């Protein structure tokens, strides 16, 4: 497969990582084995994905217990995503819309505490019940309700993508841009800042247009960057829900030009984020100055962490050259 060149992406924030990363990686590995989320060659691939380091960069100052919970939850989301995504080798979950909908309904019922059936001892539903029980110990009912709504939006986006594939419909750039953060669950990463990094800002503040926009820009830049890193992998799996691929289709351009167009989109959003960051918004909310500054730092950690992890610390995305580095080959992971 051809090597894709990716020039260094704009993200002028300091690299950070949680000091409990290695300890959590071992803990989560045992958790994955317990619930049999990955087995055989899939387990080997999971180890090389090194997902813990992504979470460690997203939440660099989270205390140990909360970081462990975030690591397990993100690992589960990736396990689900892998089963929902690959069109070249469809998993039973997405073999029909009926099966897919039943799986989604079961997940949401578990999170709402309304699941009536006997849960299996292993698998995605059992793992979800386990980690959600842990999440509830560090969160409020109000946060849980909001987060369940976010997970529901993630599944709505997955069904949207499923319908597109069934109809052989490639969405427009505009439609995909709107749906992309939900399809990639980027909104759940920003939602989790409150309980994992222990940053508490009232919804009356977070719901203001300024904070909604900086949060959205964090989410979409993470997703667009991910699409540049993952495009070769997704082409290989016949997954066209990728901004680079959609650019190619809608604009009728080749891969190299589509990468440039996608990069322009990323840069425009990142520069808008930086402009908004220059506004001293924290000074407008007496009593929440420190929390607002921390929230902004958390958004920056997610944006920079996504790039550092994708370009240096995982084998999930390969066959590219990033910045001035050589072909990404990380046998040591």
Protein backbone atom coordinates (compact mmCIF):
# COMPACT_ATOMS: atom_id res chain seq x y z
CA UNK A 1 0.00 0.00 0.00
CA UNK A 2 1.31 3.46 -0.89
CA UNK A 3 2.77 5.77 1.73
CA UNK A 4 0.76 8.88 2.40
CA UNK A 5 2.69 12.03 3.27
CA UNK A 6 1.24 14.21 6.01
CA UNK A 7 2.99 17.50 6.75
CA UNK A 8 3.05 18.50 10.40
CA UNK A 9 -0.40 19.64 11.50
CA UNK A 10 -1.00 22.94 13.25
CA UNK A 11 -1.51 22.32 16.98
CA UNK A 12 0.56 24.84 18.97
CA UNK A 13 -0.03 23.27 22.36
CA UNK A 14 2.43 21.50 24.67
CA UNK A 15 2.53 17.67 24.54
CA UNK A 16 1.24 16.12 27.76
CA UNK A 17 0.64 12.60 29.02
CA UNK A 18 -0.84 11.03 32.14
CA UNK A 19 1.73 9.54 34.51
CA UNK A 20 -0.46 6.47 35.06
CA UNK A 21 -0.39 5.47 31.36
CA UNK A 22 1.69 2.30 31.65
CA UNK A 23 -0.12 1.12 34.76
CA UNK A 24 -3.49 1.68 33.12
CA UNK A 25 -2.43 -0.10 29.94
CA UNK A 26 -1.78 -3.28 31.90
CA UNK A 27 -5.00 -2.89 33.91
CA UNK A 28 -7.09 -2.37 30.77
CA UNK A 29 -5.39 -5.27 29.00
CA UNK A 30 -6.62 -7.58 31.78
CA UNK A 31 -10.08 -6.00 31.56
CA UNK A 32 -10.20 -6.63 27.79
CA UNK A 33 -9.18 -10.25 28.36
CA UNK A 34 -11.79 -10.68 31.11
CA UNK A 35 -14.64 -9.57 28.84
CA UNK A 36 -13.12 -11.10 25.69
CA UNK A 37 -13.47 -7.87 23.74
CA UNK A 38 -10.63 -8.99 21.48
CA UNK A 39 -9.31 -12.50 20.89
CA UNK A 40 -6.65 -14.13 18.73
CA UNK A 41 -5.19 -11.87 16.06
CA UNK A 42 -7.67 -9.15 17.01
CA UNK A 43 -6.16 -9.08 20.50
CA UNK A 44 -2.68 -8.66 19.03
CA UNK A 45 -3.97 -5.76 16.93
CA UNK A 46 -5.59 -4.22 20.01
CA UNK A 47 -2.24 -4.30 21.85
CA UNK A 48 -0.54 -2.57 18.92
CA UNK A 49 -3.28 0.06 18.79
CA UNK A 50 -1.99 1.27 22.19
CA UNK A 51 -5.28 3.02 22.94
CA UNK A 52 -4.29 3.76 26.53
CA UNK A 53 -1.76 6.32 25.33
CA UNK A 54 -4.47 8.18 23.44
CA UNK A 55 -6.55 8.43 26.59
CA UNK A 56 -3.44 9.37 28.58
CA UNK A 57 -2.85 12.31 26.27
CA UNK A 58 -6.51 13.34 26.32
CA UNK A 59 -6.64 13.48 30.14
CA UNK A 60 -3.05 14.18 31.25
CA UNK A 61 -3.80 15.28 34.81
CA UNK A 62 -6.61 12.86 35.68
CA UNK A 63 -6.18 10.95 38.95
CA UNK A 64 -5.50 7.24 38.73
CA UNK A 65 -8.99 5.86 39.42
CA UNK A 66 -10.72 8.22 37.00
CA UNK A 67 -8.10 7.72 34.31
CA UNK A 68 -8.49 3.93 34.53
CA UNK A 69 -12.24 4.33 33.99
CA UNK A 70 -11.72 6.61 30.98
CA UNK A 71 -9.23 4.17 29.49
CA UNK A 72 -11.66 1.26 29.76
CA UNK A 73 -14.56 3.27 28.35
CA UNK A 74 -12.56 4.53 25.37
CA UNK A 75 -11.20 1.04 24.72
CA UNK A 76 -14.77 -0.27 24.62
CA UNK A 77 -15.86 2.48 22.23
CA UNK A 78 -13.02 1.57 19.87
CA UNK A 79 -13.94 -2.12 20.10
CA UNK A 80 -17.51 -1.23 19.14
CA UNK A 81 -16.33 1.07 16.37
CA UNK A 82 -14.23 -1.67 14.82
CA UNK A 83 -17.23 -3.99 14.71
CA UNK A 84 -19.46 -1.30 13.21
CA UNK A 85 -17.04 0.07 10.62
CA UNK A 86 -15.40 -2.51 8.39
CA UNK A 87 -17.39 -2.97 5.20
CA UNK A 88 -15.00 -5.54 3.68
CA UNK A 89 -15.71 -8.05 6.45
CA UNK A 90 -19.03 -7.16 8.04
CA UNK A 91 -19.48 -8.09 11.68
CA UNK A 92 -22.72 -9.80 12.71
CA UNK A 93 -23.71 -6.62 14.58
CA UNK A 94 -24.07 -4.69 11.31
CA UNK A 95 -25.15 -7.61 9.11
CA UNK A 96 -28.66 -6.13 9.13
CA UNK A 97 -30.21 -2.91 10.38
CA UNK A 98 -32.49 -4.94 12.66
CA UNK A 99 -29.53 -6.58 14.41
CA UNK A 100 -27.73 -3.25 14.63
CA UNK A 101 -30.76 -1.53 16.16
CA UNK A 102 -31.21 -4.31 18.72
CA UNK A 103 -27.58 -3.94 19.79
CA UNK A 104 -27.94 -0.16 20.11
CA UNK A 105 -31.17 -0.49 22.10
CA UNK A 106 -29.50 -2.93 24.48
CA UNK A 107 -26.58 -0.56 25.07
CA UNK A 108 -28.85 2.37 25.86
CA UNK A 109 -31.08 0.29 28.14
CA UNK A 110 -28.00 -0.83 30.10
CA UNK A 111 -26.91 2.77 30.57
CA UNK A 112 -30.41 3.83 31.63
CA UNK A 113 -30.63 0.94 34.09
CA UNK A 114 -33.61 -0.51 32.23
CA UNK A 115 -32.12 -3.66 30.70
CA UNK A 116 -34.34 -6.59 31.73
CA UNK A 117 -32.61 -9.57 30.16
CA UNK A 118 -29.79 -11.74 31.45
CA UNK A 119 -26.50 -10.16 30.52
CA UNK A 120 -23.84 -12.44 29.06
CA UNK A 121 -20.67 -12.93 31.11
CA UNK A 122 -18.46 -11.55 28.36
CA UNK A 123 -18.72 -9.34 25.30
CA UNK A 124 -19.56 -5.72 24.62
CA UNK A 125 -22.76 -5.55 26.65
CA UNK A 126 -21.14 -7.10 29.73
CA UNK A 127 -18.16 -4.76 29.43
CA UNK A 128 -20.47 -1.77 29.02
CA UNK A 129 -22.41 -2.71 32.16
CA UNK A 130 -19.16 -3.06 34.09
CA UNK A 131 -17.54 0.22 33.04
CA UNK A 132 -20.80 2.19 33.22
CA UNK A 133 -21.22 1.03 36.81
CA UNK A 134 -17.79 2.56 37.49
CA UNK A 135 -18.68 5.77 35.65
CA UNK A 136 -21.74 6.21 37.86
CA UNK A 137 -19.57 6.22 40.99
CA UNK A 138 -17.77 9.39 39.82
CA UNK A 139 -20.62 11.27 38.14
CA UNK A 140 -23.98 12.83 38.93
CA UNK A 141 -27.35 11.65 37.56
CA UNK A 142 -27.54 14.90 35.56
CA UNK A 143 -24.19 14.22 33.90
CA UNK A 144 -25.18 10.61 33.23
CA UNK A 145 -28.38 11.70 31.50
CA UNK A 146 -26.43 14.13 29.32
CA UNK A 147 -23.82 11.50 28.47
CA UNK A 148 -26.44 8.89 27.55
CA UNK A 149 -27.83 11.46 25.12
CA UNK A 150 -24.32 11.82 23.64
CA UNK A 151 -23.98 8.06 23.23
CA UNK A 152 -27.40 8.01 21.56
CA UNK A 153 -26.16 10.63 19.08
CA UNK A 154 -23.11 8.47 18.40
CA UNK A 155 -25.35 5.51 17.58
CA UNK A 156 -27.65 7.71 15.46
CA UNK A 157 -24.59 8.67 13.41
CA UNK A 158 -23.58 5.01 13.11
CA UNK A 159 -27.07 4.15 11.81
CA UNK A 160 -26.83 7.06 9.37
CA UNK A 161 -23.56 5.63 8.06
CA UNK A 162 -25.10 2.14 7.93
CA UNK A 163 -28.00 3.45 5.83
CA UNK A 164 -25.57 5.24 3.52
CA UNK A 165 -23.68 2.03 2.90
CA UNK A 166 -26.88 0.06 2.32
CA UNK A 167 -28.07 2.66 -0.21
CA UNK A 168 -24.58 3.04 -1.71
CA UNK A 169 -24.89 6.74 -0.97
CA UNK A 170 -21.81 8.86 -0.37
CA UNK A 171 -22.74 11.88 1.77
CA UNK A 172 -21.85 15.42 0.83
CA UNK A 173 -18.91 17.20 2.42
CA UNK A 174 -21.33 19.47 4.30
CA UNK A 175 -23.44 16.59 5.63
CA UNK A 176 -20.39 14.59 6.66
CA UNK A 177 -18.80 17.61 8.35
CA UNK A 178 -21.90 17.95 10.53
CA UNK A 179 -22.11 14.26 11.42
CA UNK A 180 -18.40 13.53 11.76
CA UNK A 181 -17.89 14.37 15.49
CA UNK A 182 -20.79 12.08 16.42
CA UNK A 183 -19.63 9.32 14.10
CA UNK A 184 -16.18 9.45 15.70
CA UNK A 185 -17.52 9.88 19.25
CA UNK A 186 -15.35 12.97 19.64
CA UNK A 187 -18.18 14.63 21.57
CA UNK A 188 -17.94 11.94 24.25
CA UNK A 189 -14.26 12.80 24.79
CA UNK A 190 -15.12 16.42 25.58
CA UNK A 191 -18.12 15.36 27.69
CA UNK A 192 -15.82 13.23 29.85
CA UNK A 193 -13.59 16.18 30.79
CA UNK A 194 -15.95 16.99 33.66
CA UNK A 195 -15.77 13.63 35.41
CA UNK A 196 -12.29 12.44 34.39
CA UNK A 197 -10.36 15.70 34.84
CA UNK A 198 -12.75 16.87 37.58
CA UNK A 199 -13.52 20.19 35.87
CA UNK A 200 -16.89 21.54 36.95
CA UNK A 201 -18.50 24.38 35.03
CA UNK A 202 -22.28 24.97 35.13
CA UNK A 203 -24.21 24.10 31.99
CA UNK A 204 -25.47 27.69 31.97
CA UNK A 205 -21.90 28.65 31.04
CA UNK A 206 -20.97 25.66 28.86
CA UNK A 207 -24.17 26.08 26.84
CA UNK A 208 -23.23 29.62 25.81
CA UNK A 209 -22.33 29.98 22.10
CA UNK A 210 -18.64 30.72 22.83
CA UNK A 211 -18.10 27.51 24.80
CA UNK A 212 -20.23 25.45 22.44
CA UNK A 213 -18.08 26.65 19.54
CA UNK A 214 -14.65 26.01 21.09
CA UNK A 215 -15.86 22.56 22.10
CA UNK A 216 -17.18 21.84 18.61
CA UNK A 217 -13.94 23.04 17.03
CA UNK A 218 -11.97 20.72 19.30
CA UNK A 219 -14.15 17.80 18.23
CA UNK A 220 -14.09 18.46 14.50
CA UNK A 221 -10.35 19.14 14.26
CA UNK A 222 -9.67 15.86 16.05
CA UNK A 223 -11.90 14.06 13.55
CA UNK A 224 -10.47 15.72 10.46
CA UNK A 225 -6.92 15.01 11.62
CA UNK A 226 -7.95 11.41 12.24
CA UNK A 227 -9.31 11.15 8.70
CA UNK A 228 -5.94 12.19 7.31
CA UNK A 229 -4.07 9.66 9.44
CA UNK A 230 -6.53 6.83 8.80
CA UNK A 231 -7.43 7.31 5.13
CA UNK A 232 -5.24 4.48 3.82
CA UNK A 233 -6.57 2.07 6.45
CA UNK A 234 -10.16 2.97 5.67
CA UNK A 235 -9.69 2.72 1.92
CA UNK A 236 -8.32 -0.76 2.58
CA UNK A 237 -11.46 -1.66 4.53
CA UNK A 238 -13.75 -0.06 1.91
CA UNK A 239 -14.93 2.51 4.45
CA UNK A 240 -15.74 5.77 2.69
CA UNK A 241 -16.96 7.71 5.73
CA UNK A 242 -13.74 9.68 5.75
CA UNK A 243 -13.38 13.35 4.86
CA UNK A 244 -10.48 12.71 2.47
CA UNK A 245 -12.43 10.06 0.56
CA UNK A 246 -15.54 12.24 0.43
CA UNK A 247 -13.44 15.15 -0.84
CA UNK A 248 -12.18 12.88 -3.63
CA UNK A 249 -15.71 11.87 -4.60
CA UNK A 250 -17.47 15.24 -4.41
CA UNK A 251 -14.70 17.31 -5.99
CA UNK A 252 -13.60 14.56 -8.41
CA UNK A 253 -9.96 14.93 -7.39
CA UNK A 254 -7.17 12.48 -6.67
CA UNK A 255 -5.96 11.46 -3.22
CA UNK A 256 -3.08 13.91 -2.98
CA UNK A 257 -5.29 16.89 -3.78
CA UNK A 258 -8.02 15.64 -1.44
CA UNK A 259 -5.46 15.51 1.37
CA UNK A 260 -4.59 19.15 0.66
CA UNK A 261 -8.26 20.15 0.69
CA UNK A 262 -8.84 18.30 3.95
CA UNK A 263 -5.80 19.97 5.45
CA UNK A 264 -7.17 23.39 4.47
CA UNK A 265 -10.40 22.56 6.25
CA UNK A 266 -8.46 21.47 9.34
CA UNK A 267 -6.33 24.63 9.32
CA UNK A 268 -9.36 26.91 9.00
CA UNK A 269 -11.01 25.33 12.03
CA UNK A 270 -7.80 25.27 14.05
CA UNK A 271 -7.13 28.95 13.36
CA UNK A 272 -10.68 29.81 14.41
CA UNK A 273 -10.12 27.85 17.62
CA UNK A 274 -6.89 29.79 18.28
CA UNK A 275 -8.67 33.10 17.69
CA UNK A 276 -11.34 32.16 20.21
CA UNK A 277 -8.69 30.98 22.67
CA UNK A 278 -7.15 34.46 22.59
CA UNK A 279 -10.31 35.86 24.16
CA UNK A 280 -9.97 36.00 27.95
CA UNK A 281 -13.44 34.58 28.46
CA UNK A 282 -12.61 33.25 31.93
CA UNK A 283 -12.51 36.81 33.27
CA UNK A 284 -16.22 37.21 32.56
CA UNK A 285 -17.34 34.50 34.98
CA UNK A 286 -16.39 35.32 38.54
CA UNK A 287 -15.76 32.22 40.60
CA UNK A 288 -15.11 29.98 37.59
CA UNK A 289 -11.93 31.55 36.21
CA UNK A 290 -9.67 28.63 37.13
CA UNK A 291 -12.13 25.98 35.95
CA UNK A 292 -12.62 27.68 32.59
CA UNK A 293 -8.86 27.91 32.05
CA UNK A 294 -8.57 24.21 32.90
CA UNK A 295 -11.38 23.36 30.49
CA UNK A 296 -9.58 25.18 27.68
CA UNK A 297 -6.36 23.35 28.54
CA UNK A 298 -8.25 20.05 28.40
CA UNK A 299 -9.57 20.83 24.91
CA UNK A 300 -6.04 21.66 23.80
CA UNK A 301 -4.72 18.42 25.32
CA UNK A 302 -7.27 16.41 23.32
CA UNK A 303 -6.37 18.18 20.08
CA UNK A 304 -2.61 17.87 20.51
CA UNK A 305 -2.85 14.42 22.08
CA UNK A 306 -4.76 13.03 19.11
CA UNK A 307 -1.93 14.06 16.78
CA UNK A 308 0.90 12.83 19.02
CA UNK A 309 -0.76 9.47 19.55
CA UNK A 310 -1.76 8.99 15.91
CA UNK A 311 1.65 9.94 14.54
CA UNK A 312 3.98 8.33 17.10
CA UNK A 313 2.33 5.91 19.50
CA UNK A 314 -0.03 3.58 17.68
CA UNK A 315 0.08 1.02 14.89
CA UNK A 316 -3.61 1.56 14.20
CA UNK A 317 -2.74 3.94 11.38
CA UNK A 318 0.32 3.09 9.31
CA UNK A 319 1.73 3.58 5.82
CA UNK A 320 2.22 7.30 6.18
CA UNK A 321 5.10 9.69 6.68
CA UNK A 322 4.37 12.45 9.18
CA UNK A 323 6.33 15.68 9.27
CA UNK A 324 10.01 14.92 8.77
CA UNK A 325 9.76 11.41 10.23
CA UNK A 326 10.26 8.18 8.33
CA UNK A 327 7.60 5.63 7.42
CA UNK A 328 5.61 4.88 10.53
CA UNK A 329 6.67 1.44 11.76
CA UNK A 330 6.48 0.94 15.50
CA UNK A 331 7.43 -2.65 16.24
CA UNK A 332 8.25 -1.70 19.80
CA UNK A 333 4.59 -1.08 20.69
